[in-house]
Amino acid sequence: MQGGDPYIRALMRTISASEANDSRPYSILYGGQHVLDLSRHPEKCVTIVSGPNKGNCSTAAGRYQLLNKTWYAIAQRYHPQPSGFLLWQSYSFKPQFQDEVIYAWLNDSPAWGTDISLLLRQGKLNSVLRRLSGTWTSLGYGIEDNSITGSLPQVYQKMLRQELQKAG
């Protein structure tokens, strides 16, 4: 994603590093398989093999590992180019739209009950990660850490330096 708030862009990259650390993150499903069709959320239910939700299934997909219900809820509000008619709206899951929808959502203070960008600018990354962990459990403070969770502050700082450098 080009342009916009470098603090939010660094956060997006941190979420992606934690949730979909893959060379093709936009097409990855929970469990590691990839899909070719990103014209909409893949909605593929993959059985969870470990952790507190073992045996359930996950529809998590894409760079931000969004569940299908989460994608449709936020795409309804933030997707810049929905297609279809009224009840038959469709929301492309192509890379640019995954980024645009997440960027808009993270910038929506009322949706999160706080100004995430301001917290990041104040150096309150842990408060942000705690707030977001209900959506992205790998961010810590949730039910399922992963191998990168403990390194997220360092990952964020690295991403932020890169984003601030790009912003000039």
N, C-alpha and C. Protein backbone atom coordinates (compact mmCIF):
# COMPACT_ATOMS: atom_id res chain seq x y z
N MET A 1 0.84 -1.18 0.00
CA MET A 1 0.00 0.00 0.00
C MET A 1 0.89 1.24 0.00
N GLN A 2 0.54 2.19 -0.81
CA GLN A 2 1.28 3.44 -0.90
C GLN A 2 0.49 4.55 -0.23
N GLY A 3 1.20 5.52 0.33
CA GLY A 3 0.55 6.68 0.91
C GLY A 3 -0.12 6.37 2.24
N GLY A 4 -0.68 7.41 2.81
CA GLY A 4 -1.37 7.25 4.07
C GLY A 4 -0.45 7.35 5.28
N ASP A 5 -1.01 7.05 6.41
CA ASP A 5 -0.34 7.18 7.70
C ASP A 5 0.73 6.09 7.87
N PRO A 6 2.00 6.47 8.00
CA PRO A 6 3.05 5.46 8.13
C PRO A 6 2.93 4.62 9.40
N TYR A 7 2.33 5.16 10.44
CA TYR A 7 2.15 4.40 11.68
C TYR A 7 1.14 3.28 11.48
N ILE A 8 0.07 3.58 10.76
CA ILE A 8 -0.94 2.56 10.47
C ILE A 8 -0.38 1.55 9.47
N ARG A 9 0.35 2.01 8.47
CA ARG A 9 0.95 1.08 7.50
C ARG A 9 1.92 0.13 8.20
N ALA A 10 2.72 0.64 9.14
CA ALA A 10 3.65 -0.22 9.89
C ALA A 10 2.87 -1.23 10.73
N LEU A 11 1.75 -0.81 11.30
CA LEU A 11 0.91 -1.73 12.07
C LEU A 11 0.34 -2.81 11.15
N MET A 12 -0.12 -2.43 9.98
CA MET A 12 -0.65 -3.41 9.03
C MET A 12 0.41 -4.45 8.67
N ARG A 13 1.61 -4.00 8.44
CA ARG A 13 2.70 -4.92 8.10
C ARG A 13 3.04 -5.83 9.29
N THR A 14 2.91 -5.30 10.50
CA THR A 14 3.15 -6.10 11.70
C THR A 14 2.08 -7.17 11.85
N ILE A 15 0.83 -6.80 11.64
CA ILE A 15 -0.27 -7.77 11.70
C ILE A 15 -0.02 -8.87 10.66
N SER A 16 0.33 -8.47 9.46
CA SER A 16 0.60 -9.44 8.40
C SER A 16 1.76 -10.37 8.77
N ALA A 17 2.81 -9.82 9.35
CA ALA A 17 3.96 -10.65 9.75
C ALA A 17 3.55 -11.69 10.78
N SER A 18 2.64 -11.32 11.66
CA SER A 18 2.19 -12.23 12.70
C SER A 18 1.15 -13.23 12.21
N GLU A 19 0.29 -12.79 11.32
CA GLU A 19 -0.83 -13.62 10.89
C GLU A 19 -0.58 -14.42 9.61
N ALA A 20 0.16 -13.84 8.67
CA ALA A 20 0.30 -14.48 7.35
C ALA A 20 1.72 -14.32 6.83
N ASN A 21 2.67 -14.71 7.62
CA ASN A 21 4.08 -14.55 7.26
C ASN A 21 4.42 -15.52 6.13
N ASP A 22 4.17 -15.07 4.91
CA ASP A 22 4.27 -15.93 3.73
C ASP A 22 4.68 -15.06 2.54
N SER A 23 5.31 -15.66 1.56
CA SER A 23 5.72 -14.88 0.38
C SER A 23 4.53 -14.45 -0.47
N ARG A 24 3.39 -15.12 -0.31
CA ARG A 24 2.15 -14.74 -1.03
C ARG A 24 1.03 -14.56 -0.01
N PRO A 25 1.12 -13.56 0.85
CA PRO A 25 0.18 -13.45 1.96
C PRO A 25 -1.27 -13.18 1.57
N TYR A 26 -1.49 -12.53 0.45
CA TYR A 26 -2.86 -12.16 0.09
C TYR A 26 -3.73 -13.35 -0.27
N SER A 27 -3.12 -14.45 -0.66
CA SER A 27 -3.89 -15.62 -1.11
C SER A 27 -3.83 -16.79 -0.14
N ILE A 28 -3.22 -16.60 1.03
CA ILE A 28 -3.05 -17.72 1.96
C ILE A 28 -4.30 -17.94 2.81
N LEU A 29 -4.58 -19.21 3.03
CA LEU A 29 -5.66 -19.63 3.92
C LEU A 29 -5.07 -20.05 5.25
N TYR A 30 -5.89 -20.06 6.28
CA TYR A 30 -5.46 -20.65 7.54
C TYR A 30 -4.95 -22.06 7.24
N GLY A 31 -3.80 -22.40 7.78
CA GLY A 31 -3.24 -23.72 7.55
C GLY A 31 -2.17 -23.75 6.47
N GLY A 32 -2.08 -22.70 5.64
CA GLY A 32 -0.98 -22.59 4.70
C GLY A 32 -1.28 -22.83 3.23
N GLN A 33 -2.47 -23.34 2.89
CA GLN A 33 -2.79 -23.49 1.47
C GLN A 33 -3.06 -22.12 0.85
N HIS A 34 -2.99 -22.08 -0.47
CA HIS A 34 -3.25 -20.84 -1.19
C HIS A 34 -4.45 -21.02 -2.11
N VAL A 35 -5.13 -19.92 -2.39
CA VAL A 35 -6.24 -19.92 -3.35
C VAL A 35 -5.85 -19.04 -4.53
N LEU A 36 -6.46 -19.31 -5.66
CA LEU A 36 -6.20 -18.50 -6.85
C LEU A 36 -7.23 -17.40 -7.03
N ASP A 37 -8.47 -17.68 -6.67
CA ASP A 37 -9.57 -16.75 -6.91
C ASP A 37 -9.72 -15.79 -5.72
N LEU A 38 -9.39 -14.53 -5.95
CA LEU A 38 -9.56 -13.51 -4.92
C LEU A 38 -10.67 -12.52 -5.29
N SER A 39 -11.58 -12.96 -6.14
CA SER A 39 -12.69 -12.09 -6.53
C SER A 39 -13.63 -11.84 -5.34
N ARG A 40 -13.54 -12.71 -4.33
CA ARG A 40 -14.29 -12.54 -3.08
C ARG A 40 -13.55 -13.34 -2.01
N HIS A 41 -13.97 -13.21 -0.76
CA HIS A 41 -13.35 -13.99 0.32
C HIS A 41 -13.51 -15.47 0.00
N PRO A 42 -12.46 -16.28 0.17
CA PRO A 42 -12.53 -17.69 -0.22
C PRO A 42 -13.56 -18.52 0.56
N GLU A 43 -13.86 -18.15 1.81
CA GLU A 43 -14.85 -18.85 2.64
C GLU A 43 -14.56 -20.33 2.81
N LYS A 44 -13.31 -20.74 2.70
CA LYS A 44 -12.97 -22.15 2.87
C LYS A 44 -12.77 -22.43 4.36
N CYS A 45 -13.50 -23.42 4.85
CA CYS A 45 -13.45 -23.78 6.26
C CYS A 45 -12.38 -24.85 6.47
N VAL A 46 -11.31 -24.48 7.17
CA VAL A 46 -10.18 -25.37 7.40
C VAL A 46 -10.17 -25.79 8.86
N THR A 47 -10.05 -27.09 9.12
CA THR A 47 -10.06 -27.60 10.49
C THR A 47 -8.83 -27.11 11.25
N ILE A 48 -9.07 -26.61 12.45
CA ILE A 48 -8.00 -26.15 13.34
C ILE A 48 -7.41 -27.38 14.02
N VAL A 49 -6.09 -27.54 13.94
CA VAL A 49 -5.46 -28.77 14.42
C VAL A 49 -4.81 -28.65 15.79
N SER A 50 -4.70 -27.44 16.33
CA SER A 50 -4.11 -27.30 17.67
C SER A 50 -4.65 -26.05 18.34
N GLY A 51 -4.37 -25.94 19.63
CA GLY A 51 -4.79 -24.77 20.38
C GLY A 51 -6.17 -24.92 20.97
N PRO A 52 -6.67 -23.85 21.58
CA PRO A 52 -7.96 -23.92 22.28
C PRO A 52 -9.16 -24.14 21.37
N ASN A 53 -9.01 -23.88 20.09
CA ASN A 53 -10.12 -24.08 19.14
C ASN A 53 -9.96 -25.33 18.29
N LYS A 54 -9.08 -26.23 18.73
CA LYS A 54 -8.82 -27.48 18.00
C LYS A 54 -10.14 -28.19 17.69
N GLY A 55 -10.27 -28.64 16.44
CA GLY A 55 -11.47 -29.35 16.02
C GLY A 55 -12.50 -28.44 15.37
N ASN A 56 -12.48 -27.16 15.69
CA ASN A 56 -13.36 -26.21 15.01
C ASN A 56 -12.77 -25.92 13.64
N CYS A 57 -13.42 -25.08 12.88
CA CYS A 57 -12.82 -24.71 11.60
C CYS A 57 -12.66 -23.21 11.53
N SER A 58 -11.72 -22.80 10.69
CA SER A 58 -11.44 -21.39 10.50
C SER A 58 -11.57 -21.04 9.02
N THR A 59 -12.18 -19.89 8.77
CA THR A 59 -12.26 -19.38 7.40
C THR A 59 -11.25 -18.26 7.19
N ALA A 60 -10.28 -18.12 8.10
CA ALA A 60 -9.28 -17.05 8.00
C ALA A 60 -8.54 -17.13 6.68
N ALA A 61 -8.40 -15.97 6.05
CA ALA A 61 -7.75 -15.91 4.74
C ALA A 61 -7.12 -14.55 4.52
N GLY A 62 -6.13 -14.54 3.64
CA GLY A 62 -5.53 -13.30 3.20
C GLY A 62 -4.43 -12.78 4.09
N ARG A 63 -3.92 -11.63 3.70
CA ARG A 63 -2.79 -11.02 4.39
C ARG A 63 -3.06 -10.78 5.86
N TYR A 64 -4.31 -10.54 6.21
CA TYR A 64 -4.67 -10.23 7.59
C TYR A 64 -5.46 -11.36 8.25
N GLN A 65 -5.52 -12.51 7.58
CA GLN A 65 -6.20 -13.69 8.10
C GLN A 65 -7.58 -13.35 8.67
N LEU A 66 -8.40 -12.76 7.83
CA LEU A 66 -9.74 -12.36 8.23
C LEU A 66 -10.73 -13.50 8.05
N LEU A 67 -11.53 -13.73 9.07
CA LEU A 67 -12.63 -14.68 8.95
C LEU A 67 -13.63 -14.12 7.94
N ASN A 68 -14.36 -15.01 7.28
CA ASN A 68 -15.31 -14.52 6.27
C ASN A 68 -16.34 -13.56 6.88
N LYS A 69 -16.84 -13.84 8.07
CA LYS A 69 -17.84 -12.95 8.69
C LYS A 69 -17.24 -11.58 9.00
N THR A 70 -16.00 -11.57 9.45
CA THR A 70 -15.32 -10.29 9.72
C THR A 70 -15.14 -9.52 8.42
N TRP A 71 -14.67 -10.21 7.37
CA TRP A 71 -14.47 -9.54 6.08
C TRP A 71 -15.75 -8.89 5.59
N TYR A 72 -16.86 -9.64 5.62
CA TYR A 72 -18.10 -9.08 5.09
C TYR A 72 -18.59 -7.92 5.93
N ALA A 73 -18.41 -8.00 7.24
CA ALA A 73 -18.83 -6.90 8.11
C ALA A 73 -18.03 -5.63 7.84
N ILE A 74 -16.72 -5.76 7.72
CA ILE A 74 -15.92 -4.55 7.51
C ILE A 74 -15.92 -4.10 6.05
N ALA A 75 -16.01 -5.03 5.12
CA ALA A 75 -16.06 -4.65 3.70
C ALA A 75 -17.32 -3.85 3.42
N GLN A 76 -18.41 -4.19 4.10
CA GLN A 76 -19.66 -3.45 3.94
C GLN A 76 -19.46 -1.97 4.24
N ARG A 77 -18.61 -1.69 5.22
CA ARG A 77 -18.38 -0.30 5.64
C ARG A 77 -17.25 0.38 4.88
N TYR A 78 -16.21 -0.36 4.52
CA TYR A 78 -14.99 0.29 4.05
C TYR A 78 -14.55 -0.05 2.63
N HIS A 79 -15.16 -1.04 2.00
CA HIS A 79 -14.71 -1.44 0.66
C HIS A 79 -15.03 -0.31 -0.32
N PRO A 80 -14.02 0.14 -1.10
CA PRO A 80 -14.25 1.27 -2.00
C PRO A 80 -15.02 0.93 -3.27
N GLN A 81 -15.09 -0.36 -3.64
CA GLN A 81 -15.74 -0.73 -4.90
C GLN A 81 -16.58 -1.99 -4.77
N PRO A 82 -17.65 -1.97 -3.97
CA PRO A 82 -18.49 -3.17 -3.92
C PRO A 82 -19.16 -3.38 -5.27
N SER A 83 -19.48 -4.63 -5.56
CA SER A 83 -20.20 -4.92 -6.80
C SER A 83 -21.47 -5.67 -6.45
N GLY A 84 -22.40 -5.72 -7.37
CA GLY A 84 -23.66 -6.40 -7.14
C GLY A 84 -24.77 -5.41 -6.81
N PHE A 85 -25.87 -5.94 -6.29
CA PHE A 85 -27.04 -5.13 -5.98
C PHE A 85 -27.52 -5.40 -4.58
N LEU A 86 -27.82 -4.38 -3.85
CA LEU A 86 -28.43 -4.43 -2.52
C LEU A 86 -28.02 -5.64 -1.70
N LEU A 87 -28.89 -6.66 -1.63
CA LEU A 87 -28.62 -7.83 -0.79
C LEU A 87 -27.56 -8.75 -1.38
N TRP A 88 -27.22 -8.55 -2.63
CA TRP A 88 -26.26 -9.43 -3.29
C TRP A 88 -24.92 -8.73 -3.51
N GLN A 89 -24.53 -7.92 -2.54
CA GLN A 89 -23.24 -7.22 -2.64
C GLN A 89 -22.10 -8.21 -2.63
N SER A 90 -21.09 -7.93 -3.39
CA SER A 90 -19.88 -8.73 -3.42
C SER A 90 -18.70 -7.80 -3.20
N TYR A 91 -17.70 -8.29 -2.49
CA TYR A 91 -16.55 -7.46 -2.15
C TYR A 91 -15.27 -8.18 -2.57
N SER A 92 -14.61 -7.65 -3.57
CA SER A 92 -13.37 -8.24 -4.05
C SER A 92 -12.38 -8.38 -2.90
N PHE A 93 -11.67 -9.51 -2.89
CA PHE A 93 -10.67 -9.81 -1.87
C PHE A 93 -9.26 -9.66 -2.45
N LYS A 94 -9.18 -8.97 -3.58
CA LYS A 94 -7.87 -8.75 -4.22
C LYS A 94 -6.97 -7.93 -3.29
N PRO A 95 -5.65 -8.07 -3.45
CA PRO A 95 -4.71 -7.44 -2.53
C PRO A 95 -4.98 -5.97 -2.21
N GLN A 96 -5.21 -5.15 -3.23
CA GLN A 96 -5.42 -3.73 -2.96
C GLN A 96 -6.61 -3.50 -2.04
N PHE A 97 -7.65 -4.34 -2.17
CA PHE A 97 -8.84 -4.14 -1.36
C PHE A 97 -8.64 -4.67 0.06
N GLN A 98 -7.88 -5.76 0.21
CA GLN A 98 -7.56 -6.21 1.57
C GLN A 98 -6.87 -5.06 2.31
N ASP A 99 -5.89 -4.45 1.66
CA ASP A 99 -5.15 -3.35 2.30
C ASP A 99 -6.04 -2.13 2.55
N GLU A 100 -6.82 -1.74 1.56
CA GLU A 100 -7.64 -0.54 1.71
C GLU A 100 -8.69 -0.70 2.80
N VAL A 101 -9.31 -1.87 2.86
CA VAL A 101 -10.34 -2.10 3.88
C VAL A 101 -9.72 -2.10 5.27
N ILE A 102 -8.59 -2.79 5.45
CA ILE A 102 -7.94 -2.82 6.76
C ILE A 102 -7.45 -1.43 7.14
N TYR A 103 -6.87 -0.72 6.21
CA TYR A 103 -6.38 0.63 6.49
C TYR A 103 -7.53 1.51 6.98
N ALA A 104 -8.65 1.49 6.28
CA ALA A 104 -9.80 2.31 6.67
C ALA A 104 -10.34 1.89 8.04
N TRP A 105 -10.40 0.59 8.28
CA TRP A 105 -10.91 0.07 9.56
C TRP A 105 -10.01 0.51 10.71
N LEU A 106 -8.71 0.36 10.54
CA LEU A 106 -7.78 0.74 11.61
C LEU A 106 -7.80 2.24 11.87
N ASN A 107 -8.19 3.03 10.89
CA ASN A 107 -8.28 4.48 11.05
C ASN A 107 -9.63 4.95 11.58
N ASP A 108 -10.56 4.05 11.78
CA ASP A 108 -11.90 4.40 12.24
C ASP A 108 -11.94 4.37 13.77
N SER A 109 -11.70 5.51 14.39
CA SER A 109 -11.65 5.58 15.85
C SER A 109 -12.91 5.06 16.53
N PRO A 110 -14.11 5.43 16.07
CA PRO A 110 -15.31 4.90 16.72
C PRO A 110 -15.40 3.36 16.67
N ALA A 111 -14.90 2.76 15.60
CA ALA A 111 -14.97 1.30 15.49
C ALA A 111 -14.13 0.62 16.56
N TRP A 112 -13.03 1.23 16.95
CA TRP A 112 -12.12 0.64 17.94
C TRP A 112 -12.25 1.28 19.32
N GLY A 113 -13.01 2.37 19.42
CA GLY A 113 -13.14 3.05 20.70
C GLY A 113 -11.92 3.86 21.09
N THR A 114 -11.03 4.08 20.15
CA THR A 114 -9.82 4.86 20.39
C THR A 114 -9.19 5.24 19.06
N ASP A 115 -8.30 6.19 19.11
CA ASP A 115 -7.55 6.61 17.92
C ASP A 115 -6.26 5.80 17.88
N ILE A 116 -6.25 4.75 17.07
CA ILE A 116 -5.10 3.85 17.00
C ILE A 116 -3.85 4.59 16.54
N SER A 117 -3.98 5.44 15.55
CA SER A 117 -2.82 6.18 15.06
C SER A 117 -2.22 7.04 16.16
N LEU A 118 -3.05 7.70 16.93
CA LEU A 118 -2.56 8.54 18.03
C LEU A 118 -1.83 7.70 19.07
N LEU A 119 -2.41 6.56 19.44
CA LEU A 119 -1.73 5.68 20.40
C LEU A 119 -0.36 5.25 19.88
N LEU A 120 -0.29 4.92 18.60
CA LEU A 120 0.98 4.51 18.01
C LEU A 120 1.98 5.66 18.04
N ARG A 121 1.52 6.86 17.73
CA ARG A 121 2.40 8.03 17.75
C ARG A 121 2.89 8.34 19.16
N GLN A 122 2.10 7.97 20.16
CA GLN A 122 2.48 8.16 21.56
C GLN A 122 3.35 7.02 22.08
N GLY A 123 3.65 6.05 21.22
CA GLY A 123 4.49 4.93 21.63
C GLY A 123 3.76 3.86 22.42
N LYS A 124 2.44 3.83 22.33
CA LYS A 124 1.63 2.89 23.12
C LYS A 124 1.25 1.66 22.29
N LEU A 125 2.26 1.03 21.69
CA LEU A 125 2.02 -0.14 20.85
C LEU A 125 1.33 -1.26 21.61
N ASN A 126 1.74 -1.53 22.84
CA ASN A 126 1.13 -2.63 23.59
C ASN A 126 -0.36 -2.39 23.81
N SER A 127 -0.76 -1.15 24.03
CA SER A 127 -2.19 -0.83 24.17
C SER A 127 -2.93 -1.13 22.87
N VAL A 128 -2.30 -0.81 21.75
CA VAL A 128 -2.91 -1.08 20.44
C VAL A 128 -3.02 -2.59 20.22
N LEU A 129 -1.94 -3.32 20.49
CA LEU A 129 -1.97 -4.77 20.28
C LEU A 129 -3.03 -5.42 21.17
N ARG A 130 -3.15 -4.95 22.40
CA ARG A 130 -4.18 -5.48 23.31
C ARG A 130 -5.57 -5.22 22.72
N ARG A 131 -5.79 -4.01 22.22
CA ARG A 131 -7.09 -3.64 21.65
C ARG A 131 -7.43 -4.51 20.43
N LEU A 132 -6.42 -4.80 19.61
CA LEU A 132 -6.65 -5.55 18.38
C LEU A 132 -6.64 -7.07 18.56
N SER A 133 -6.21 -7.55 19.71
CA SER A 133 -6.03 -8.99 19.90
C SER A 133 -7.34 -9.78 19.89
N GLY A 134 -8.46 -9.11 20.05
CA GLY A 134 -9.74 -9.80 19.91
C GLY A 134 -10.01 -10.20 18.46
N THR A 135 -9.44 -9.46 17.53
CA THR A 135 -9.56 -9.78 16.11
C THR A 135 -8.40 -10.64 15.64
N TRP A 136 -7.19 -10.27 16.06
CA TRP A 136 -5.98 -10.99 15.66
C TRP A 136 -5.32 -11.58 16.91
N THR A 137 -5.65 -12.83 17.22
CA THR A 137 -5.20 -13.43 18.47
C THR A 137 -3.69 -13.61 18.55
N SER A 138 -3.01 -13.63 17.45
CA SER A 138 -1.55 -13.81 17.47
C SER A 138 -0.82 -12.55 17.94
N LEU A 139 -1.53 -11.46 18.14
CA LEU A 139 -0.89 -10.22 18.56
C LEU A 139 -0.57 -10.20 20.06
N GLY A 140 -0.86 -11.28 20.73
CA GLY A 140 -0.66 -11.32 22.18
C GLY A 140 -1.95 -10.90 22.85
N TYR A 141 -2.06 -11.12 24.12
CA TYR A 141 -3.23 -10.75 24.90
C TYR A 141 -4.47 -11.53 24.49
N GLY A 142 -4.33 -12.44 23.55
CA GLY A 142 -5.45 -13.24 23.07
C GLY A 142 -5.28 -14.68 23.51
N ILE A 143 -5.89 -15.58 22.77
CA ILE A 143 -5.87 -16.99 23.16
C ILE A 143 -4.83 -17.81 22.42
N GLU A 144 -4.23 -17.26 21.36
CA GLU A 144 -3.29 -18.06 20.57
C GLU A 144 -2.09 -17.24 20.11
N ASP A 145 -1.05 -17.25 20.91
CA ASP A 145 0.20 -16.64 20.48
C ASP A 145 0.84 -17.54 19.43
N ASN A 146 1.83 -17.01 18.73
CA ASN A 146 2.61 -17.84 17.81
C ASN A 146 4.09 -17.53 18.01
N SER A 147 4.93 -18.08 17.17
CA SER A 147 6.37 -17.94 17.37
C SER A 147 6.87 -16.50 17.23
N ILE A 148 6.11 -15.64 16.61
CA ILE A 148 6.55 -14.26 16.40
C ILE A 148 5.93 -13.28 17.41
N THR A 149 4.93 -13.72 18.16
CA THR A 149 4.20 -12.83 19.06
C THR A 149 5.13 -12.04 19.98
N GLY A 150 6.08 -12.70 20.60
CA GLY A 150 6.98 -12.02 21.53
C GLY A 150 7.88 -10.99 20.88
N SER A 151 8.06 -11.08 19.58
CA SER A 151 8.94 -10.16 18.84
C SER A 151 8.18 -9.02 18.18
N LEU A 152 6.87 -8.95 18.36
CA LEU A 152 6.08 -7.96 17.63
C LEU A 152 6.51 -6.52 17.87
N PRO A 153 6.88 -6.12 19.10
CA PRO A 153 7.35 -4.74 19.26
C PRO A 153 8.57 -4.43 18.38
N GLN A 154 9.49 -5.37 18.29
CA GLN A 154 10.67 -5.16 17.44
C GLN A 154 10.29 -5.16 15.96
N VAL A 155 9.38 -6.06 15.59
CA VAL A 155 8.90 -6.10 14.20
C VAL A 155 8.26 -4.76 13.85
N TYR A 156 7.39 -4.27 14.74
CA TYR A 156 6.72 -2.99 14.49
C TYR A 156 7.73 -1.86 14.34
N GLN A 157 8.71 -1.80 15.23
CA GLN A 157 9.70 -0.71 15.16
C GLN A 157 10.47 -0.75 13.84
N LYS A 158 10.82 -1.94 13.39
CA LYS A 158 11.52 -2.08 12.10
C LYS A 158 10.62 -1.60 10.96
N MET A 159 9.36 -2.03 10.97
CA MET A 159 8.42 -1.63 9.92
C MET A 159 8.19 -0.12 9.96
N LEU A 160 8.09 0.43 11.17
CA LEU A 160 7.85 1.87 11.31
C LEU A 160 9.03 2.67 10.75
N ARG A 161 10.24 2.25 11.06
CA ARG A 161 11.41 2.94 10.50
C ARG A 161 11.36 2.95 8.97
N GLN A 162 11.02 1.80 8.40
CA GLN A 162 10.93 1.71 6.94
C GLN A 162 9.83 2.61 6.38
N GLU A 163 8.68 2.60 7.04
CA GLU A 163 7.55 3.41 6.56
C GLU A 163 7.83 4.90 6.71
N LEU A 164 8.46 5.31 7.81
CA LEU A 164 8.80 6.72 7.99
C LEU A 164 9.84 7.16 6.95
N GLN A 165 10.75 6.28 6.64
CA GLN A 165 11.76 6.58 5.63
C GLN A 165 11.10 6.76 4.25
N LYS A 166 10.14 5.88 3.93
CA LYS A 166 9.42 6.00 2.65
C LYS A 166 8.63 7.30 2.59
N ALA A 167 8.05 7.68 3.74
CA ALA A 167 7.23 8.89 3.79
C ALA A 167 8.08 10.15 3.65
N GLY A 168 9.39 10.01 3.93
CA GLY A 168 10.32 11.12 3.74
C GLY A 168 10.22 12.11 4.82
